[in-house]
Amino acid sequence: MRYSLLNRFRGVLLGSFVGEVLGNGGYQGLVLDSFSFKDIKPVDTQPNPSLSAWQQIAACGTKSLINCGRLDWQDWLEQISSQQPSLLELKNTASCSEAALATVPIALFFHEDEAKLRQQLLQGAAIWQDDTQSQYEGVLAIALAIALALTEKLNPSTLISQTLAYLGTTQTPMAKQLAEVQTLLEQGAGLNTTLQQLRRVQSELYSDLPQERSPQSKLNNCPYISIALAFYCFLSTPEDFRLCVTRAVRTCYQPQITAALTGALSGAYNSIIDIPVSWHLAAKRIKTNGENWQLAESLLGVWLGVYDPSVTHNHQNLAIAAPWVIQRR
């Protein structure tokens, strides 16, 4: 096994978190500058300004999975109600890219069984995704890529073809965008060219539809393009988390959601080990990050059947090193 499953779980949660922070332009004075976080002036007066509603909904979903050991949408909603009731107003309002981010914990928890993964994803997405978007290909595409990475089955050169086969269609807007990404990757297209081509494809897909039938088709607010860009940014440099996320931010196309999804994909494939240490240190200064680490470990524990959510574990931080390196003081 290339990386441990725990490190991949951590990579998905921390990668998505870091991507969103960068895509939002920074948090508590931490911003992206020349491929790294740069300290400016801490801003502690704004509670979680960079965390999107969908990232918070995903965190509540993770807690619900830990508590119940299964997908229980009522408990998920109760978790949200107890922490931030206003998020409940977002039911059936999400675009497919927002729903894909909200359902990332489901992809982690049911990654070993593709059939069950699809079933659980459709249930979870139905809670949040806009009723006018009856297709969930975006949610399924992101989740499948994460599942393949966690099971050591992700081959970057065949990921899109596997995804299209899983979706079972090549005719929907999402499928056509992914097919275009595959073509662009084979041609070695750059970031700007890719964005222009995806906009062109989207424009052609909806050119014959009445405006009322394509509320999400505006080229500056298309969720399919965000997901397609996440695949492109990941697959163009699959071994480099830093470059994947940085390029996603620099698309300037819904950068918060695009970078978060890119971070989740790259984090699943490369695990937390490939996330730069400097980004670890910067992220540790954000209060919610400590909770993300705990959720990754607890979620894996429940998945393995060895974690009891009714027991509180308060372990001291451990120092680990080679024999005879750590000495008594």
C-alpha atoms as a PDB file:
ATOM      1  CA  MET A   1       0.000   0.000   0.000  1.00  0.00           C
ATOM      2  CA  ARG A   2       1.413   3.338  -1.096  1.00  0.00           C
ATOM      3  CA  TYR A   3      -0.139   5.339   1.755  1.00  0.00           C
ATOM      4  CA  SER A   4      -2.123   4.308   4.791  1.00  0.00           C
ATOM      5  CA  LEU A   5      -5.881   4.683   4.646  1.00  0.00           C
ATOM      6  CA  LEU A   6      -5.754   7.041   7.628  1.00  0.00           C
ATOM      7  CA  ASN A   7      -3.355   9.353   5.809  1.00  0.00           C
ATOM      8  CA  ARG A   8      -5.626   9.335   2.770  1.00  0.00           C
ATOM      9  CA  PHE A   9      -8.664  10.176   4.944  1.00  0.00           C
ATOM     10  CA  ARG A  10      -6.650  13.006   6.469  1.00  0.00           C
ATOM     11  CA  GLY A  11      -5.505  14.086   3.034  1.00  0.00           C
ATOM     12  CA  VAL A  12      -9.082  14.402   1.765  1.00  0.00           C
ATOM     13  CA  LEU A  13     -10.331  16.446   4.730  1.00  0.00           C
ATOM     14  CA  LEU A  14      -7.268  18.648   5.118  1.00  0.00           C
ATOM     15  CA  GLY A  15      -6.806  18.976   1.358  1.00  0.00           C
ATOM     16  CA  SER A  16     -10.368  20.145   0.875  1.00  0.00           C
ATOM     17  CA  PHE A  17     -10.005  22.529   3.805  1.00  0.00           C
ATOM     18  CA  VAL A  18      -6.733  24.037   2.580  1.00  0.00           C
ATOM     19  CA  GLY A  19      -8.103  24.366  -0.943  1.00  0.00           C
ATOM     20  CA  GLU A  20     -11.105  26.276   0.295  1.00  0.00           C
ATOM     21  CA  VAL A  21      -8.989  28.586   2.445  1.00  0.00           C
ATOM     22  CA  LEU A  22      -6.749  29.408  -0.495  1.00  0.00           C
ATOM     23  CA  GLY A  23      -9.663  29.750  -2.874  1.00  0.00           C
ATOM     24  CA  ASN A  24     -11.255  32.279  -0.558  1.00  0.00           C
ATOM     25  CA  GLY A  25      -8.130  34.412  -0.493  1.00  0.00           C
ATOM     26  CA  GLY A  26      -6.908  33.467   2.966  1.00  0.00           C
ATOM     27  CA  TYR A  27      -8.020  33.146   6.559  1.00  0.00           C
ATOM     28  CA  GLN A  28      -6.801  34.885   9.694  1.00  0.00           C
ATOM     29  CA  GLY A  29      -4.051  36.597   7.708  1.00  0.00           C
ATOM     30  CA  LEU A  30      -2.924  33.471   5.845  1.00  0.00           C
ATOM     31  CA  VAL A  31      -2.900  33.889   2.076  1.00  0.00           C
ATOM     32  CA  LEU A  32      -1.326  32.223  -0.899  1.00  0.00           C
ATOM     33  CA  ASP A  33       1.793  34.057  -2.043  1.00  0.00           C
ATOM     34  CA  SER A  34       4.355  32.467  -4.371  1.00  0.00           C
ATOM     35  CA  PHE A  35       3.086  28.943  -3.715  1.00  0.00           C
ATOM     36  CA  SER A  36       3.080  29.260   0.063  1.00  0.00           C
ATOM     37  CA  PHE A  37       1.149  30.696   2.944  1.00  0.00           C
ATOM     38  CA  LYS A  38       2.385  34.094   4.041  1.00  0.00           C
ATOM     39  CA  ASP A  39       1.886  35.556   7.471  1.00  0.00           C
ATOM     40  CA  ILE A  40       0.307  38.968   7.506  1.00  0.00           C
ATOM     41  CA  LYS A  41      -1.737  40.237  10.408  1.00  0.00           C
ATOM     42  CA  PRO A  42      -3.933  37.721  12.240  1.00  0.00           C
ATOM     43  CA  VAL A  43      -7.626  38.471  12.084  1.00  0.00           C
ATOM     44  CA  ASP A  44      -9.216  36.655  14.994  1.00  0.00           C
ATOM     45  CA  THR A  45     -12.356  38.757  15.155  1.00  0.00           C
ATOM     46  CA  GLN A  46     -14.057  37.002  12.229  1.00  0.00           C
ATOM     47  CA  PRO A  47     -15.303  33.510  13.204  1.00  0.00           C
ATOM     48  CA  ASN A  48     -14.701  31.082  10.327  1.00  0.00           C
ATOM     49  CA  PRO A  49     -15.082  33.665   7.547  1.00  0.00           C
ATOM     50  CA  SER A  50     -13.510  31.411   4.919  1.00  0.00           C
ATOM     51  CA  LEU A  51     -15.508  28.248   5.575  1.00  0.00           C
ATOM     52  CA  SER A  52     -18.331  27.879   3.084  1.00  0.00           C
ATOM     53  CA  ALA A  53     -21.724  26.637   4.174  1.00  0.00           C
ATOM     54  CA  TRP A  54     -21.087  23.425   2.242  1.00  0.00           C
ATOM     55  CA  GLN A  55     -17.829  22.753   4.067  1.00  0.00           C
ATOM     56  CA  GLN A  56     -19.679  23.175   7.362  1.00  0.00           C
ATOM     57  CA  ILE A  57     -22.484  20.912   6.168  1.00  0.00           C
ATOM     58  CA  ALA A  58     -19.881  18.309   5.207  1.00  0.00           C
ATOM     59  CA  ALA A  59     -18.333  18.508   8.696  1.00  0.00           C
ATOM     60  CA  CYS A  60     -21.742  17.920  10.257  1.00  0.00           C
ATOM     61  CA  GLY A  61     -22.221  14.985   7.913  1.00  0.00           C
ATOM     62  CA  THR A  62     -18.928  13.511   9.092  1.00  0.00           C
ATOM     63  CA  LYS A  63     -20.004  13.839  12.718  1.00  0.00           C
ATOM     64  CA  SER A  64     -23.315  12.164  11.925  1.00  0.00           C
ATOM     65  CA  LEU A  65     -21.553   9.224  10.264  1.00  0.00           C
ATOM     66  CA  ILE A  66     -19.333   8.878  13.332  1.00  0.00           C
ATOM     67  CA  ASN A  67     -22.284   8.967  15.725  1.00  0.00           C
ATOM     68  CA  CYS A  68     -24.561   6.638  13.761  1.00  0.00           C
ATOM     69  CA  GLY A  69     -22.122   4.424  11.887  1.00  0.00           C
ATOM     70  CA  ARG A  70     -24.284   4.857   8.788  1.00  0.00           C
ATOM     71  CA  LEU A  71     -25.906   7.554   6.709  1.00  0.00           C
ATOM     72  CA  ASP A  72     -28.815   8.912   8.723  1.00  0.00           C
ATOM     73  CA  TRP A  73     -30.078  12.076   7.080  1.00  0.00           C
ATOM     74  CA  GLN A  74     -32.248  12.995  10.060  1.00  0.00           C
ATOM     75  CA  ASP A  75     -29.251  12.885  12.402  1.00  0.00           C
ATOM     76  CA  TRP A  76     -27.262  14.878   9.840  1.00  0.00           C
ATOM     77  CA  LEU A  77     -29.883  17.601   9.903  1.00  0.00           C
ATOM     78  CA  GLU A  78     -29.972  17.482  13.714  1.00  0.00           C
ATOM     79  CA  GLN A  79     -26.208  17.971  13.816  1.00  0.00           C
ATOM     80  CA  ILE A  80     -26.622  21.056  11.650  1.00  0.00           C
ATOM     81  CA  SER A  81     -29.572  22.314  13.683  1.00  0.00           C
ATOM     82  CA  SER A  82     -27.579  22.115  16.910  1.00  0.00           C
ATOM     83  CA  GLN A  83     -24.584  23.985  15.487  1.00  0.00           C
ATOM     84  CA  GLN A  84     -25.886  26.421  12.885  1.00  0.00           C
ATOM     85  CA  PRO A  85     -29.630  26.184  12.191  1.00  0.00           C
ATOM     86  CA  SER A  86     -29.460  28.722   9.373  1.00  0.00           C
ATOM     87  CA  LEU A  87     -27.729  26.108   7.206  1.00  0.00           C
ATOM     88  CA  LEU A  88     -30.969  24.132   7.074  1.00  0.00           C
ATOM     89  CA  GLU A  89     -32.343  26.813   4.783  1.00  0.00           C
ATOM     90  CA  LEU A  90     -29.949  25.536   2.112  1.00  0.00           C
ATOM     91  CA  LYS A  91     -31.802  22.267   1.624  1.00  0.00           C
ATOM     92  CA  ASN A  92     -32.465  21.648  -2.081  1.00  0.00           C
ATOM     93  CA  THR A  93     -30.537  24.761  -3.116  1.00  0.00           C
ATOM     94  CA  ALA A  94     -27.057  23.382  -3.901  1.00  0.00           C
ATOM     95  CA  SER A  95     -25.509  23.226  -7.332  1.00  0.00           C
ATOM     96  CA  CYS A  96     -23.938  19.888  -8.231  1.00  0.00           C
ATOM     97  CA  SER A  97     -20.463  21.161  -7.306  1.00  0.00           C
ATOM     98  CA  GLU A  98     -21.674  22.354  -3.890  1.00  0.00           C
ATOM     99  CA  ALA A  99     -23.474  19.055  -3.341  1.00  0.00           C
ATOM    100  CA  ALA A 100     -20.273  17.224  -4.311  1.00  0.00           C
ATOM    101  CA  LEU A 101     -18.391  19.060  -1.553  1.00  0.00           C
ATOM    102  CA  ALA A 102     -21.139  18.463   1.010  1.00  0.00           C
ATOM    103  CA  THR A 103     -21.138  14.707   0.325  1.00  0.00           C
ATOM    104  CA  VAL A 104     -17.363  14.130   0.497  1.00  0.00           C
ATOM    105  CA  PRO A 105     -17.720  12.351   3.897  1.00  0.00           C
ATOM    106  CA  ILE A 106     -20.096   9.852   2.268  1.00  0.00           C
ATOM    107  CA  ALA A 107     -17.443   9.123  -0.347  1.00  0.00           C
ATOM    108  CA  LEU A 108     -14.952   8.392   2.431  1.00  0.00           C
ATOM    109  CA  PHE A 109     -17.253   6.192   4.473  1.00  0.00           C
ATOM    110  CA  PHE A 110     -18.586   4.039   1.614  1.00  0.00           C
ATOM    111  CA  HIS A 111     -15.507   4.012  -0.614  1.00  0.00           C
ATOM    112  CA  GLU A 112     -15.041   0.231  -0.669  1.00  0.00           C
ATOM    113  CA  ASP A 113     -18.325  -0.633  -2.432  1.00  0.00           C
ATOM    114  CA  GLU A 114     -19.137   1.290  -5.622  1.00  0.00           C
ATOM    115  CA  ALA A 115     -22.756   0.136  -5.757  1.00  0.00           C
ATOM    116  CA  LYS A 116     -23.437   1.111  -2.147  1.00  0.00           C
ATOM    117  CA  LEU A 117     -21.486   4.315  -2.643  1.00  0.00           C
ATOM    118  CA  ARG A 118     -23.825   5.322  -5.467  1.00  0.00           C
ATOM    119  CA  GLN A 119     -26.906   4.487  -3.394  1.00  0.00           C
ATOM    120  CA  GLN A 120     -25.759   6.468  -0.374  1.00  0.00           C
ATOM    121  CA  LEU A 121     -24.567   9.411  -2.452  1.00  0.00           C
ATOM    122  CA  LEU A 122     -27.912   9.743  -4.193  1.00  0.00           C
ATOM    123  CA  GLN A 123     -29.649   9.820  -0.811  1.00  0.00           C
ATOM    124  CA  GLY A 124     -27.278  12.442   0.551  1.00  0.00           C
ATOM    125  CA  ALA A 125     -27.293  14.602  -2.570  1.00  0.00           C
ATOM    126  CA  ALA A 126     -31.090  14.577  -2.674  1.00  0.00           C
ATOM    127  CA  ILE A 127     -31.129  16.474   0.621  1.00  0.00           C
ATOM    128  CA  TRP A 128     -29.075  19.386  -0.656  1.00  0.00           C
ATOM    129  CA  GLN A 129     -29.028  19.562  -4.433  1.00  0.00           C
ATOM    130  CA  ASP A 130     -31.418  21.875  -6.223  1.00  0.00           C
ATOM    131  CA  ASP A 131     -34.593  20.061  -7.268  1.00  0.00           C
ATOM    132  CA  THR A 132     -34.260  21.487 -10.764  1.00  0.00           C
ATOM    133  CA  GLN A 133     -30.981  19.579 -11.181  1.00  0.00           C
ATOM    134  CA  SER A 134     -32.312  16.044 -11.325  1.00  0.00           C
ATOM    135  CA  GLN A 135     -28.955  14.515 -12.305  1.00  0.00           C
ATOM    136  CA  TYR A 136     -26.198  13.850  -9.801  1.00  0.00           C
ATOM    137  CA  GLU A 137     -23.297  13.102 -12.148  1.00  0.00           C
ATOM    138  CA  GLY A 138     -21.076  15.744 -10.537  1.00  0.00           C
ATOM    139  CA  VAL A 139     -21.528  14.253  -7.086  1.00  0.00           C
ATOM    140  CA  LEU A 140     -20.895  10.735  -8.395  1.00  0.00           C
ATOM    141  CA  ALA A 141     -17.823  11.774 -10.375  1.00  0.00           C
ATOM    142  CA  ILE A 142     -16.006  13.393  -7.439  1.00  0.00           C
ATOM    143  CA  ALA A 143     -16.929  10.580  -5.067  1.00  0.00           C
ATOM    144  CA  LEU A 144     -15.805   7.847  -7.451  1.00  0.00           C
ATOM    145  CA  ALA A 145     -12.399   9.477  -7.924  1.00  0.00           C
ATOM    146  CA  ILE A 146     -11.948   9.649  -4.146  1.00  0.00           C
ATOM    147  CA  ALA A 147     -13.074   6.031  -3.735  1.00  0.00           C
ATOM    148  CA  LEU A 148     -10.673   4.795  -6.419  1.00  0.00           C
ATOM    149  CA  ALA A 149      -7.794   6.631  -4.743  1.00  0.00           C
ATOM    150  CA  LEU A 150      -8.627   5.185  -1.327  1.00  0.00           C
ATOM    151  CA  THR A 151      -8.705   1.646  -2.750  1.00  0.00           C
ATOM    152  CA  GLU A 152      -5.432   2.116  -4.666  1.00  0.00           C
ATOM    153  CA  LYS A 153      -7.260   1.772  -8.008  1.00  0.00           C
ATOM    154  CA  LEU A 154      -6.902   5.290  -9.341  1.00  0.00           C
ATOM    155  CA  ASN A 155      -4.930   5.485 -12.572  1.00  0.00           C
ATOM    156  CA  PRO A 156      -4.741   9.120 -13.705  1.00  0.00           C
ATOM    157  CA  SER A 157      -4.604   8.158 -17.374  1.00  0.00           C
ATOM    158  CA  THR A 158      -7.854   6.181 -17.193  1.00  0.00           C
ATOM    159  CA  LEU A 159      -9.766   8.041 -14.461  1.00  0.00           C
ATOM    160  CA  ILE A 160     -12.085   9.976 -16.757  1.00  0.00           C
ATOM    161  CA  SER A 161     -12.954   6.915 -18.848  1.00  0.00           C
ATOM    162  CA  GLN A 162     -13.689   4.987 -15.645  1.00  0.00           C
ATOM    163  CA  THR A 163     -15.821   7.864 -14.394  1.00  0.00           C
ATOM    164  CA  LEU A 164     -17.837   8.055 -17.598  1.00  0.00           C
ATOM    165  CA  ALA A 165     -18.427   4.307 -17.436  1.00  0.00           C
ATOM    166  CA  TYR A 166     -19.592   4.669 -13.824  1.00  0.00           C
ATOM    167  CA  LEU A 167     -21.950   7.480 -14.778  1.00  0.00           C
ATOM    168  CA  GLY A 168     -23.366   5.316 -17.534  1.00  0.00           C
ATOM    169  CA  THR A 169     -23.767   8.202 -19.977  1.00  0.00           C
ATOM    170  CA  THR A 170     -21.774  10.470 -22.253  1.00  0.00           C
ATOM    171  CA  GLN A 171     -24.615  12.794 -23.218  1.00  0.00           C
ATOM    172  CA  THR A 172     -25.228  14.879 -20.100  1.00  0.00           C
ATOM    173  CA  PRO A 173     -23.520  18.263 -19.569  1.00  0.00           C
ATOM    174  CA  MET A 174     -21.272  16.841 -16.851  1.00  0.00           C
ATOM    175  CA  ALA A 175     -20.199  13.877 -18.961  1.00  0.00           C
ATOM    176  CA  LYS A 176     -19.457  16.086 -21.963  1.00  0.00           C
ATOM    177  CA  GLN A 177     -17.357  18.418 -19.824  1.00  0.00           C
ATOM    178  CA  LEU A 178     -15.322  15.487 -18.495  1.00  0.00           C
ATOM    179  CA  ALA A 179     -14.847  14.142 -22.013  1.00  0.00           C
ATOM    180  CA  GLU A 180     -13.588  17.569 -23.072  1.00  0.00           C
ATOM    181  CA  VAL A 181     -11.133  17.561 -20.153  1.00  0.00           C
ATOM    182  CA  GLN A 182      -9.772  14.213 -21.346  1.00  0.00           C
ATOM    183  CA  THR A 183      -9.225  15.640 -24.823  1.00  0.00           C
ATOM    184  CA  LEU A 184      -7.525  18.738 -23.442  1.00  0.00           C
ATOM    185  CA  LEU A 185      -5.226  16.669 -21.243  1.00  0.00           C
ATOM    186  CA  GLU A 186      -4.209  14.532 -24.209  1.00  0.00           C
ATOM    187  CA  GLN A 187      -3.438  17.703 -26.170  1.00  0.00           C
ATOM    188  CA  GLY A 188      -1.412  19.147 -23.289  1.00  0.00           C
ATOM    189  CA  ALA A 189      -3.630  22.234 -23.140  1.00  0.00           C
ATOM    190  CA  GLY A 190      -2.751  24.947 -20.632  1.00  0.00           C
ATOM    191  CA  LEU A 191      -4.966  26.301 -17.892  1.00  0.00           C
ATOM    192  CA  ASN A 192      -6.304  29.309 -19.790  1.00  0.00           C
ATOM    193  CA  THR A 193      -7.020  27.269 -22.906  1.00  0.00           C
ATOM    194  CA  THR A 194      -8.830  24.663 -20.829  1.00  0.00           C
ATOM    195  CA  LEU A 195     -11.036  27.231 -19.149  1.00  0.00           C
ATOM    196  CA  GLN A 196     -11.915  28.828 -22.491  1.00  0.00           C
ATOM    197  CA  GLN A 197     -12.761  25.468 -24.032  1.00  0.00           C
ATOM    198  CA  LEU A 198     -14.937  24.411 -21.102  1.00  0.00           C
ATOM    199  CA  ARG A 199     -16.820  27.703 -21.331  1.00  0.00           C
ATOM    200  CA  ARG A 200     -17.316  27.144 -25.054  1.00  0.00           C
ATOM    201  CA  VAL A 201     -18.633  23.608 -24.526  1.00  0.00           C
ATOM    202  CA  GLN A 202     -21.008  24.789 -21.840  1.00  0.00           C
ATOM    203  CA  SER A 203     -22.270  27.606 -24.044  1.00  0.00           C
ATOM    204  CA  GLU A 204     -22.964  25.174 -26.883  1.00  0.00           C
ATOM    205  CA  LEU A 205     -24.744  22.722 -24.586  1.00  0.00           C
ATOM    206  CA  TYR A 206     -27.264  25.319 -23.456  1.00  0.00           C
ATOM    207  CA  SER A 207     -27.517  27.483 -26.566  1.00  0.00           C
ATOM    208  CA  ASP A 208     -30.775  25.844 -27.641  1.00  0.00           C
ATOM    209  CA  LEU A 209     -32.417  25.769 -24.223  1.00  0.00           C
ATOM    210  CA  PRO A 210     -34.792  28.427 -22.869  1.00  0.00           C
ATOM    211  CA  GLN A 211     -33.294  30.479 -20.054  1.00  0.00           C
ATOM    212  CA  GLU A 212     -35.745  29.097 -17.499  1.00  0.00           C
ATOM    213  CA  ARG A 213     -34.505  25.578 -18.172  1.00  0.00           C
ATOM    214  CA  SER A 214     -30.863  26.401 -17.626  1.00  0.00           C
ATOM    215  CA  PRO A 215     -30.618  28.486 -14.445  1.00  0.00           C
ATOM    216  CA  GLN A 216     -27.071  27.310 -13.769  1.00  0.00           C
ATOM    217  CA  SER A 217     -25.816  27.721 -17.331  1.00  0.00           C
ATOM    218  CA  LYS A 218     -24.342  31.200 -16.992  1.00  0.00           C
ATOM    219  CA  LEU A 219     -20.710  30.870 -17.900  1.00  0.00           C
ATOM    220  CA  ASN A 220     -19.511  32.562 -14.727  1.00  0.00           C
ATOM    221  CA  ASN A 221     -21.630  30.355 -12.492  1.00  0.00           C
ATOM    222  CA  CYS A 222     -21.614  26.861 -13.952  1.00  0.00           C
ATOM    223  CA  PRO A 223     -21.083  24.032 -11.459  1.00  0.00           C
ATOM    224  CA  TYR A 224     -20.132  21.577 -14.195  1.00  0.00           C
ATOM    225  CA  ILE A 225     -17.142  23.710 -15.141  1.00  0.00           C
ATOM    226  CA  SER A 226     -15.977  23.802 -11.496  1.00  0.00           C
ATOM    227  CA  ILE A 227     -15.974  20.008 -11.307  1.00  0.00           C
ATOM    228  CA  ALA A 228     -14.343  19.663 -14.722  1.00  0.00           C
ATOM    229  CA  LEU A 229     -11.623  22.117 -13.678  1.00  0.00           C
ATOM    230  CA  ALA A 230     -11.035  20.150 -10.472  1.00  0.00           C
ATOM    231  CA  PHE A 231     -10.434  17.027 -12.575  1.00  0.00           C
ATOM    232  CA  TYR A 232      -8.176  18.944 -14.944  1.00  0.00           C
ATOM    233  CA  CYS A 233      -6.077  20.555 -12.202  1.00  0.00           C
ATOM    234  CA  PHE A 234      -5.645  17.213 -10.457  1.00  0.00           C
ATOM    235  CA  LEU A 235      -4.948  15.087 -13.540  1.00  0.00           C
ATOM    236  CA  SER A 236      -2.549  17.555 -15.161  1.00  0.00           C
ATOM    237  CA  THR A 237      -0.151  17.224 -12.185  1.00  0.00           C
ATOM    238  CA  PRO A 238      -1.476  14.268 -10.144  1.00  0.00           C
ATOM    239  CA  GLU A 239       1.649  13.825  -8.004  1.00  0.00           C
ATOM    240  CA  ASP A 240       1.913  17.443  -6.835  1.00  0.00           C
ATOM    241  CA  PHE A 241      -0.686  18.604  -4.323  1.00  0.00           C
ATOM    242  CA  ARG A 242       0.729  22.115  -4.087  1.00  0.00           C
ATOM    243  CA  LEU A 243       0.580  22.714  -7.838  1.00  0.00           C
ATOM    244  CA  CYS A 244      -2.875  21.119  -8.213  1.00  0.00           C
ATOM    245  CA  VAL A 245      -4.472  23.404  -5.671  1.00  0.00           C
ATOM    246  CA  THR A 246      -2.540  26.489  -6.721  1.00  0.00           C
ATOM    247  CA  ARG A 247      -3.686  26.093 -10.323  1.00  0.00           C
ATOM    248  CA  ALA A 248      -7.257  25.571  -9.176  1.00  0.00           C
ATOM    249  CA  VAL A 249      -7.133  28.858  -7.275  1.00  0.00           C
ATOM    250  CA  ARG A 250      -5.621  30.656 -10.234  1.00  0.00           C
ATOM    251  CA  THR A 251      -8.461  29.682 -12.544  1.00  0.00           C
ATOM    252  CA  CYS A 252     -10.405  32.399 -10.697  1.00  0.00           C
ATOM    253  CA  TYR A 253     -13.494  30.378 -11.594  1.00  0.00           C
ATOM    254  CA  GLN A 254     -15.524  29.803  -8.436  1.00  0.00           C
ATOM    255  CA  PRO A 255     -12.086  29.324  -6.849  1.00  0.00           C
ATOM    256  CA  GLN A 256     -13.336  28.405  -3.388  1.00  0.00           C
ATOM    257  CA  ILE A 257     -15.352  25.393  -4.533  1.00  0.00           C
ATOM    258  CA  THR A 258     -12.978  24.479  -7.385  1.00  0.00           C
ATOM    259  CA  ALA A 259      -9.911  24.481  -5.134  1.00  0.00           C
ATOM    260  CA  ALA A 260     -11.729  22.600  -2.357  1.00  0.00           C
ATOM    261  CA  LEU A 261     -12.715  19.797  -4.741  1.00  0.00           C
ATOM    262  CA  THR A 262      -9.222  19.732  -6.256  1.00  0.00           C
ATOM    263  CA  GLY A 263      -7.725  19.499  -2.770  1.00  0.00           C
ATOM    264  CA  ALA A 264     -10.006  16.586  -1.919  1.00  0.00           C
ATOM    265  CA  LEU A 265      -9.016  14.694  -5.091  1.00  0.00           C
ATOM    266  CA  SER A 266      -5.298  15.312  -4.697  1.00  0.00           C
ATOM    267  CA  GLY A 267      -5.442  14.656  -0.954  1.00  0.00           C
ATOM    268  CA  ALA A 268      -7.075  11.284  -1.566  1.00  0.00           C
ATOM    269  CA  TYR A 269      -4.464  10.310  -4.152  1.00  0.00           C
ATOM    270  CA  ASN A 270      -1.341  11.708  -2.482  1.00  0.00           C
ATOM    271  CA  SER A 271      -2.528  11.563   1.139  1.00  0.00           C
ATOM    272  CA  ILE A 272      -1.708  14.138   3.773  1.00  0.00           C
ATOM    273  CA  ILE A 273       1.982  13.383   3.305  1.00  0.00           C
ATOM    274  CA  ASP A 274       2.153  15.423   0.091  1.00  0.00           C
ATOM    275  CA  ILE A 275       0.498  18.506   1.575  1.00  0.00           C
ATOM    276  CA  PRO A 276       3.374  20.956   2.211  1.00  0.00           C
ATOM    277  CA  VAL A 277       4.565  21.161   5.799  1.00  0.00           C
ATOM    278  CA  SER A 278       4.345  24.953   5.695  1.00  0.00           C
ATOM    279  CA  TRP A 279       0.652  24.618   4.834  1.00  0.00           C
ATOM    280  CA  HIS A 280       0.212  22.217   7.755  1.00  0.00           C
ATOM    281  CA  LEU A 281       1.695  24.744  10.137  1.00  0.00           C
ATOM    282  CA  ALA A 282      -0.390  27.578   8.750  1.00  0.00           C
ATOM    283  CA  ALA A 283      -3.574  25.522   8.853  1.00  0.00           C
ATOM    284  CA  LYS A 284      -2.962  24.550  12.478  1.00  0.00           C
ATOM    285  CA  ARG A 285      -3.511  28.150  13.463  1.00  0.00           C
ATOM    286  CA  ILE A 286      -7.092  27.908  12.252  1.00  0.00           C
ATOM    287  CA  LYS A 287      -9.351  26.656  15.006  1.00  0.00           C
ATOM    288  CA  THR A 288     -11.466  24.326  12.895  1.00  0.00           C
ATOM    289  CA  ASN A 289      -8.452  22.456  11.558  1.00  0.00           C
ATOM    290  CA  GLY A 290      -7.804  20.593  14.801  1.00  0.00           C
ATOM    291  CA  GLU A 291     -11.328  19.293  14.597  1.00  0.00           C
ATOM    292  CA  ASN A 292     -10.760  18.126  11.029  1.00  0.00           C
ATOM    293  CA  TRP A 293      -7.870  15.939  12.134  1.00  0.00           C
ATOM    294  CA  GLN A 294      -9.975  14.403  14.871  1.00  0.00           C
ATOM    295  CA  LEU A 295     -12.842  13.756  12.478  1.00  0.00           C
ATOM    296  CA  ALA A 296     -10.566  11.915  10.042  1.00  0.00           C
ATOM    297  CA  GLU A 297      -9.308   9.538  12.708  1.00  0.00           C
ATOM    298  CA  SER A 298     -12.732   9.000  14.264  1.00  0.00           C
ATOM    299  CA  LEU A 299     -14.411   8.450  10.903  1.00  0.00           C
ATOM    300  CA  LEU A 300     -11.865   5.803   9.965  1.00  0.00           C
ATOM    301  CA  GLY A 301     -12.276   4.215  13.403  1.00  0.00           C
ATOM    302  CA  VAL A 302     -16.025   3.901  12.917  1.00  0.00           C
ATOM    303  CA  TRP A 303     -15.511   2.538   9.409  1.00  0.00           C
ATOM    304  CA  LEU A 304     -13.154  -0.084  10.835  1.00  0.00           C
ATOM    305  CA  GLY A 305     -15.559  -0.865  13.661  1.00  0.00           C
ATOM    306  CA  VAL A 306     -13.080  -0.033  16.420  1.00  0.00           C
ATOM    307  CA  TYR A 307     -14.275   3.417  17.508  1.00  0.00           C
ATOM    308  CA  ASP A 308     -16.917   3.932  20.178  1.00  0.00           C
ATOM    309  CA  PRO A 309     -18.393   7.434  19.798  1.00  0.00           C
ATOM    310  CA  SER A 310     -19.839   7.261  23.310  1.00  0.00           C
ATOM    311  CA  VAL A 311     -16.344   7.201  24.839  1.00  0.00           C
ATOM    312  CA  THR A 312     -14.329  10.406  25.014  1.00  0.00           C
ATOM    313  CA  HIS A 313     -10.643   9.886  24.290  1.00  0.00           C
ATOM    314  CA  ASN A 314      -8.321  12.500  25.712  1.00  0.00           C
ATOM    315  CA  HIS A 315      -4.831  11.424  24.700  1.00  0.00           C
ATOM    316  CA  GLN A 316      -1.791  13.535  25.307  1.00  0.00           C
ATOM    317  CA  ASN A 317       0.321  14.419  22.281  1.00  0.00           C
ATOM    318  CA  LEU A 318       2.908  11.734  21.672  1.00  0.00           C
ATOM    319  CA  ALA A 319       6.465  12.256  20.463  1.00  0.00           C
ATOM    320  CA  ILE A 320       7.691   9.521  18.127  1.00  0.00           C
ATOM    321  CA  ALA A 321      11.266   9.055  16.963  1.00  0.00           C
ATOM    322  CA  ALA A 322      13.879   6.431  16.166  1.00  0.00           C
ATOM    323  CA  PRO A 323      15.391   4.475  19.116  1.00  0.00           C
ATOM    324  CA  TRP A 324      17.656   6.471  21.436  1.00  0.00           C
ATOM    325  CA  VAL A 325      16.912   9.771  19.695  1.00  0.00           C
ATOM    326  CA  ILE A 326      14.620  11.158  22.412  1.00  0.00           C
ATOM    327  CA  GLN A 327      16.456  11.559  25.689  1.00  0.00           C
ATOM    328  CA  ARG A 328      15.228  12.257  29.208  1.00  0.00           C
ATOM    329  CA  ARG A 329      15.528  15.777  30.481  1.00  0.00           C
END
